[in-house]
Protein backbone atom coordinates (compact mmCIF):
# COMPACT_ATOMS: atom_id res chain seq x y z
CA MET A 1 -100.81 183.96 -35.83
CA SER A 2 -101.66 182.09 -39.02
CA GLY A 3 -102.97 178.69 -39.93
CA SER A 4 -106.21 176.83 -40.11
CA PRO A 5 -108.44 176.94 -37.03
CA ASP A 6 -108.77 173.15 -37.21
CA ALA A 7 -104.97 172.57 -36.99
CA ALA A 8 -104.73 172.81 -33.18
CA PRO A 9 -107.47 170.24 -32.43
CA LEU A 10 -105.99 167.89 -35.07
CA ALA A 11 -102.49 168.14 -33.58
CA GLN A 12 -103.91 167.55 -30.10
CA ALA A 13 -105.75 164.45 -31.30
CA ASN A 14 -102.59 163.03 -32.91
CA TRP A 15 -100.59 163.73 -29.74
CA HIS A 16 -102.98 161.65 -27.62
CA GLU A 17 -103.04 158.77 -30.09
CA VAL A 18 -101.37 155.65 -28.60
CA PRO A 19 -99.33 153.47 -31.04
CA ARG A 20 -100.82 150.05 -31.47
CA LYS A 21 -98.68 147.16 -30.14
CA LYS A 22 -97.49 144.62 -32.63
CA LYS A 23 -99.11 141.28 -31.98
CA TYR A 24 -96.56 138.68 -30.89
CA ASP A 25 -96.43 135.58 -33.05
CA TYR A 26 -96.83 132.83 -30.42
CA GLY A 27 -97.28 130.21 -33.11
CA ARG A 28 -93.79 130.91 -34.43
CA LEU A 29 -92.36 130.70 -30.90
CA ILE A 30 -94.02 127.33 -30.30
CA PHE A 31 -92.73 126.11 -33.67
CA GLN A 32 -89.15 127.08 -32.72
CA LEU A 33 -89.46 125.46 -29.28
CA LEU A 34 -90.58 122.21 -30.87
CA PHE A 35 -87.36 122.11 -32.87
CA LEU A 36 -85.30 122.83 -29.73
CA LEU A 37 -87.11 120.23 -27.63
CA PRO A 38 -85.16 117.14 -28.86
CA ALA A 39 -81.80 118.86 -28.23
CA VAL A 40 -82.89 120.04 -24.76
CA ALA A 41 -84.20 116.58 -23.92
CA PHE A 42 -80.95 115.01 -25.07
CA LEU A 43 -78.90 117.38 -22.89
CA LEU A 44 -81.12 116.78 -19.87
CA VAL A 45 -81.06 112.99 -20.16
CA PHE A 46 -77.49 112.37 -21.26
CA MET A 47 -75.60 115.33 -19.77
CA PHE A 48 -77.22 117.22 -16.90
CA TYR A 49 -78.86 114.23 -15.23
CA PRO A 50 -75.63 112.12 -15.17
CA ILE A 51 -73.73 115.12 -13.75
CA GLU A 52 -76.34 115.65 -11.05
CA GLU A 53 -76.42 111.93 -10.27
CA THR A 54 -72.62 111.81 -10.01
CA PHE A 55 -72.62 114.69 -7.52
CA ARG A 56 -75.36 112.98 -5.50
CA THR A 57 -73.62 109.58 -5.52
CA SER A 58 -70.36 111.19 -4.37
CA LEU A 59 -72.12 112.01 -1.08
CA MET A 60 -73.23 108.41 -0.56
CA GLN A 61 -71.69 105.18 0.62
CA THR A 62 -72.84 102.66 -1.95
CA SER A 63 -71.65 99.70 -3.98
CA GLY A 64 -73.86 100.62 -6.93
CA VAL A 65 -76.52 98.07 -6.00
CA GLY A 66 -78.77 97.92 -2.98
CA GLU A 67 -79.18 100.64 -0.40
CA SER A 68 -77.16 103.85 -0.19
CA THR A 69 -76.16 105.70 2.96
CA TYR A 70 -75.68 109.46 3.02
CA ILE A 71 -72.23 110.29 4.43
CA GLY A 72 -71.74 113.87 3.24
CA LEU A 73 -68.19 114.78 2.27
CA GLU A 74 -66.68 111.63 3.76
CA ASN A 75 -65.68 110.25 0.35
CA TYR A 76 -63.72 113.42 -0.43
CA ARG A 77 -62.04 113.25 2.98
CA ALA A 78 -61.08 109.64 2.29
CA LEU A 79 -59.51 110.65 -1.02
CA ILE A 80 -57.40 113.38 0.55
CA PHE A 81 -56.60 112.00 4.01
CA GLY A 82 -57.82 108.40 4.08
CA VAL A 83 -56.48 105.02 3.01
CA HIS A 84 -56.88 105.90 -0.68
CA SER A 85 -55.07 109.23 -0.42
CA GLU A 86 -51.72 107.97 -1.77
CA GLU A 87 -53.29 106.52 -4.90
CA PHE A 88 -55.50 109.58 -5.45
CA ARG A 89 -52.67 112.05 -4.96
CA ALA A 90 -50.49 110.08 -7.38
CA GLY A 91 -53.23 110.12 -10.02
CA PHE A 92 -53.90 113.83 -9.41
CA VAL A 93 -50.24 114.78 -9.81
CA HIS A 94 -49.74 112.56 -12.84
CA VAL A 95 -52.61 114.07 -14.85
CA LEU A 96 -51.22 117.55 -14.19
CA ILE A 97 -47.78 116.36 -15.35
CA TRP A 98 -49.38 114.78 -18.42
CA ALA A 99 -51.20 118.03 -19.20
CA PHE A 100 -48.05 120.11 -18.76
CA TRP A 101 -45.84 117.99 -21.01
CA SER A 102 -48.57 117.58 -23.62
CA ILE A 103 -48.66 121.38 -23.99
CA VAL A 104 -44.87 121.80 -23.82
CA ILE A 105 -43.95 118.91 -26.16
CA GLN A 106 -46.92 117.67 -28.17
CA ILE A 107 -48.33 121.01 -29.33
CA PRO A 108 -44.99 122.54 -30.50
CA LEU A 109 -44.13 119.25 -32.21
CA ALA A 110 -47.51 119.18 -33.95
CA PHE A 111 -47.07 122.82 -34.99
CA PHE A 112 -43.64 122.37 -36.56
CA ILE A 113 -44.65 119.18 -38.37
CA ALA A 114 -47.76 120.92 -39.69
CA PHE A 115 -45.74 123.98 -40.72
CA SER A 116 -43.15 121.81 -42.49
CA LEU A 117 -45.82 119.96 -44.43
CA VAL A 118 -47.33 123.25 -45.58
CA ALA A 119 -44.08 125.14 -46.20
CA TYR A 120 -42.41 122.29 -48.09
CA LYS A 121 -45.52 121.17 -49.94
CA SER A 122 -45.02 118.45 -52.51
CA ARG A 123 -47.01 115.69 -54.15
CA PHE A 124 -46.47 113.57 -51.03
CA THR A 125 -48.03 116.13 -48.65
CA GLY A 126 -51.50 114.60 -48.91
CA VAL A 127 -50.11 111.12 -48.27
CA LEU A 128 -48.14 112.34 -45.25
CA ARG A 129 -51.25 114.06 -43.91
CA VAL A 130 -53.10 110.74 -44.02
CA VAL A 131 -50.15 108.85 -42.50
CA TYR A 132 -49.90 111.24 -39.56
CA TYR A 133 -53.65 111.20 -38.97
CA MET A 134 -53.95 107.40 -39.10
CA SER A 135 -52.52 107.09 -35.59
CA SER A 136 -55.44 109.15 -34.27
CA ILE A 137 -58.07 106.79 -35.66
CA ILE A 138 -56.46 103.55 -34.47
CA PRO A 139 -58.40 102.15 -31.48
CA SER A 140 -56.70 102.63 -28.11
CA THR A 141 -56.63 98.88 -27.54
CA ILE A 142 -54.47 98.37 -30.62
CA VAL A 143 -52.27 101.33 -29.64
CA ALA A 144 -51.70 99.77 -26.21
CA MET A 145 -50.88 96.38 -27.75
CA LEU A 146 -48.38 98.03 -30.10
CA GLY A 147 -46.87 99.90 -27.16
CA ARG A 148 -46.41 96.72 -25.14
CA PHE A 149 -44.89 95.05 -28.19
CA VAL A 150 -42.43 97.92 -28.66
CA PHE A 151 -41.33 97.97 -25.00
CA ALA A 152 -41.44 94.23 -24.24
CA PRO A 153 -38.24 93.43 -22.28
CA LYS A 154 -37.10 90.32 -24.22
CA PHE A 155 -38.79 90.09 -27.58
CA GLY A 156 -39.96 93.67 -28.13
CA VAL A 157 -38.94 95.97 -30.95
CA ILE A 158 -36.45 97.94 -28.86
CA ALA A 159 -34.99 94.82 -27.23
CA THR A 160 -34.52 93.11 -30.59
CA LEU A 161 -33.02 96.26 -32.12
CA SER A 162 -30.60 96.67 -29.19
CA LYS A 163 -29.39 93.07 -29.60
CA THR A 164 -28.94 93.53 -33.34
CA LEU A 165 -26.91 96.72 -32.90
CA GLY A 166 -25.06 95.45 -29.83
CA TRP A 167 -26.45 98.19 -27.58
CA THR A 168 -26.52 96.19 -24.37
CA TRP A 169 -27.22 99.31 -22.29
CA LEU A 170 -30.52 99.78 -24.15
CA ALA A 171 -31.53 96.15 -23.61
CA ARG A 172 -31.13 96.57 -19.84
CA ILE A 173 -33.70 99.40 -19.61
CA ASP A 174 -37.06 98.33 -18.22
CA PHE A 175 -39.38 100.77 -19.94
CA LEU A 176 -42.67 99.70 -18.37
CA GLY A 177 -41.53 98.03 -15.16
CA ASP A 178 -39.32 100.79 -13.76
CA SER A 179 -41.04 103.70 -12.02
CA GLY A 180 -38.51 106.15 -13.43
CA ASN A 181 -39.08 105.16 -17.05
CA VAL A 182 -42.73 104.21 -17.23
CA PHE A 183 -44.11 107.75 -17.56
CA TRP A 184 -41.95 108.68 -20.52
CA SER A 185 -42.62 105.34 -22.20
CA LEU A 186 -46.37 105.87 -21.95
CA PHE A 187 -46.04 109.51 -22.94
CA ALA A 188 -44.12 108.55 -26.09
CA ILE A 189 -46.85 106.11 -27.14
CA ALA A 190 -49.60 108.63 -26.31
CA THR A 191 -47.80 111.33 -28.30
CA TRP A 192 -47.62 109.07 -31.34
CA ALA A 193 -51.29 108.12 -30.92
CA TYR A 194 -52.78 111.59 -30.45
CA ILE A 195 -50.50 114.02 -32.26
CA GLY A 196 -52.03 113.29 -35.67
CA PHE A 197 -55.18 115.25 -34.90
CA GLY A 198 -53.16 118.29 -33.86
CA ILE A 199 -51.08 118.14 -37.04
CA VAL A 200 -54.09 118.01 -39.35
CA TYR A 201 -55.94 120.68 -37.35
CA LEU A 202 -53.02 123.11 -37.43
CA MET A 203 -52.32 122.38 -41.10
CA ALA A 204 -55.85 123.43 -41.98
CA ASN A 205 -55.30 126.77 -40.22
CA ILE A 206 -51.78 127.41 -41.52
CA GLU A 207 -52.94 126.84 -45.10
CA GLN A 208 -55.36 129.76 -44.68
CA ILE A 209 -52.48 132.24 -44.27
CA SER A 210 -52.05 134.34 -47.39
CA ALA A 211 -48.95 133.81 -49.53
CA ASP A 212 -48.46 137.60 -49.53
CA ILE A 213 -47.59 137.46 -45.84
CA ARG A 214 -44.92 134.82 -46.46
CA GLU A 215 -43.48 136.84 -49.32
CA ALA A 216 -43.40 139.98 -47.16
CA ALA A 217 -41.55 138.09 -44.42
CA GLU A 218 -39.02 136.79 -46.94
CA LEU A 219 -38.46 140.33 -48.26
CA ASP A 220 -37.75 141.43 -44.68
CA GLY A 221 -35.04 138.78 -44.47
CA ALA A 222 -36.85 136.21 -42.32
CA ASN A 223 -35.82 132.58 -42.76
CA ARG A 224 -38.27 129.66 -42.49
CA PHE A 225 -37.77 129.21 -38.74
CA GLN A 226 -38.23 132.92 -38.01
CA TYR A 227 -41.29 133.01 -40.26
CA ALA A 228 -42.77 130.03 -38.39
CA VAL A 229 -42.10 131.38 -34.88
CA TYR A 230 -42.71 135.12 -35.31
CA VAL A 231 -45.37 135.19 -38.03
CA VAL A 232 -47.24 131.90 -38.36
CA ALA A 233 -47.40 130.95 -34.68
CA PRO A 234 -49.05 134.25 -33.58
CA MET A 235 -51.51 134.03 -36.48
CA VAL A 236 -52.67 130.56 -35.44
CA SER A 237 -52.54 131.28 -31.70
CA TYR A 238 -56.29 130.74 -31.31
CA PRO A 239 -56.24 127.21 -32.84
CA ILE A 240 -53.19 126.44 -30.70
CA ARG A 241 -55.08 127.46 -27.57
CA ILE A 242 -58.08 125.37 -28.58
CA LEU A 243 -55.71 122.43 -29.07
CA ALA A 244 -54.26 123.12 -25.60
CA ILE A 245 -57.74 122.88 -24.07
CA ILE A 246 -58.45 119.62 -25.92
CA ASN A 247 -55.11 118.14 -24.80
CA THR A 248 -55.56 119.26 -21.19
CA VAL A 249 -59.07 117.85 -20.84
CA GLY A 250 -57.94 114.66 -22.60
CA CYS A 251 -55.08 114.23 -20.13
CA LEU A 252 -57.46 114.63 -17.18
CA LYS A 253 -59.57 111.77 -18.56
CA LEU A 254 -56.64 109.61 -19.73
CA PHE A 255 -57.40 105.95 -19.04
CA ASP A 256 -57.29 103.41 -21.84
CA ILE A 257 -53.63 103.44 -22.91
CA VAL A 258 -52.37 103.66 -19.32
CA TYR A 259 -54.61 100.90 -17.96
CA LEU A 260 -54.07 98.52 -20.89
CA MET A 261 -50.29 98.92 -20.80
CA THR A 262 -49.45 99.16 -17.08
CA GLN A 263 -52.74 99.25 -15.11
CA GLY A 264 -51.28 102.28 -13.35
CA GLY A 265 -48.17 100.48 -12.11
CA PRO A 266 -45.63 99.74 -10.99
CA ARG A 267 -47.49 100.57 -7.81
CA TYR A 268 -48.91 104.06 -8.51
CA SER A 269 -46.08 105.43 -10.66
CA SER A 270 -48.19 105.70 -13.84
CA THR A 271 -51.73 105.84 -12.47
CA THR A 272 -54.18 108.58 -13.47
CA LEU A 273 -57.44 109.81 -11.96
CA ALA A 274 -59.47 107.80 -14.48
CA VAL A 275 -57.54 104.64 -13.57
CA VAL A 276 -58.18 105.27 -9.87
CA LEU A 277 -61.88 105.86 -10.65
CA TYR A 278 -62.13 102.58 -12.54
CA ARG A 279 -60.33 100.63 -9.84
CA GLN A 280 -62.49 102.02 -7.03
CA GLY A 281 -65.78 101.82 -8.91
CA PHE A 282 -65.54 98.59 -10.89
CA VAL A 283 -62.95 96.55 -8.99
CA ASN A 284 -63.47 97.51 -5.35
CA TRP A 285 -67.17 98.46 -5.81
CA HIS A 286 -66.79 101.78 -3.99
CA TYR A 287 -69.22 103.68 -6.20
CA GLY A 288 -69.44 106.68 -3.90
CA LEU A 289 -65.66 107.04 -3.90
CA ALA A 290 -65.51 106.62 -7.67
CA ALA A 291 -68.21 109.27 -8.10
CA ALA A 292 -66.18 111.67 -5.93
CA ILE A 293 -63.20 111.15 -8.25
CA GLY A 294 -65.49 111.79 -11.22
CA VAL A 295 -66.58 115.06 -9.64
CA VAL A 296 -62.93 116.06 -9.19
CA ILE A 297 -62.19 115.31 -12.87
CA PHE A 298 -65.28 117.27 -13.95
CA LEU A 299 -64.44 120.31 -11.82
CA MET A 300 -60.80 120.31 -12.95
CA SER A 301 -61.85 120.10 -16.62
CA LEU A 302 -64.42 122.86 -16.13
CA PHE A 303 -61.99 125.13 -14.29
CA LEU A 304 -59.17 124.74 -16.81
CA SER A 305 -61.50 125.20 -19.78
CA VAL A 306 -63.12 128.34 -18.31
CA ALA A 307 -59.70 129.73 -17.37
CA GLN A 308 -58.37 129.15 -20.88
CA PHE A 309 -61.40 130.76 -22.53
CA SER A 310 -61.14 133.71 -20.12
CA LEU A 311 -57.52 134.24 -21.16
CA GLN A 312 -58.56 134.11 -24.80
CA ARG A 313 -61.31 136.66 -24.19
CA ARG A 314 -58.88 139.02 -22.47
CA GLY A 315 -56.43 138.56 -25.31
CA GLY A 316 -59.13 139.48 -27.81
CA ASP A 317 -59.19 136.10 -29.56
CA ILE A 318 -62.92 135.69 -28.99
CA ALA A 319 -65.73 138.19 -28.57
């Protein structure tokens, strides 16, 4: 054996040496928490507390003022089986129908308009982008007034146009007073009012697609429609899904245009959950019942959003 006689004791001493722990910087942690504190306080006061209070109120019988009486799930039972069940079920079904048709009609329409503006770009593209988006920034009150003016039975735009063209069959249609026509009349106005955001949002994503991809598709013999459906649409599938979530949650909370144009009528043929909530909470003063409807809207929005994000995660769109 060779080596220095002091090597073994030195190696043994190094083997027993314990590495010194790095001192944690608590001052830096406190500094970071101070920056987070305003955001956390904002969320607690304006988000989590109202949600908790809504859940608590939904278990009470209260008019919003005075004393409250705990009644458990009685408000939910009244919505499903009680005297308000017909109105609630109508609003529940209508928001699902709104959500379905907004995905089936509004999103494809927004996509093809956005694709056309990008594919056939000209000096008027910027102007058209602004024109399409203007409908999204007009207040809902003005949109509802314009809608009532368009569908007014005697002096509205459609009625006047039908008289001018001699289309008597069109003048006889009651767009807002007939239960069979009111949904599509409101949906048409809502589509005009909200589609501008989808167009601008999808345009921003379509413009990011490289021109090399378009040229490769043209070399393979793809026309504009095939390029839009089989190349562009899959490449912007994630923005389309985000737009679907926004539209779905917006339909669940739809109130202003419907209430200002028809107040949910005739009878319950155009009512939504938000209209039912307003009527029960601020007209009939059934705050507990209105809170229960708010809980239903919240849970539906949460479920559909989580489901959509789960599908995106499985599809590999998000990490």
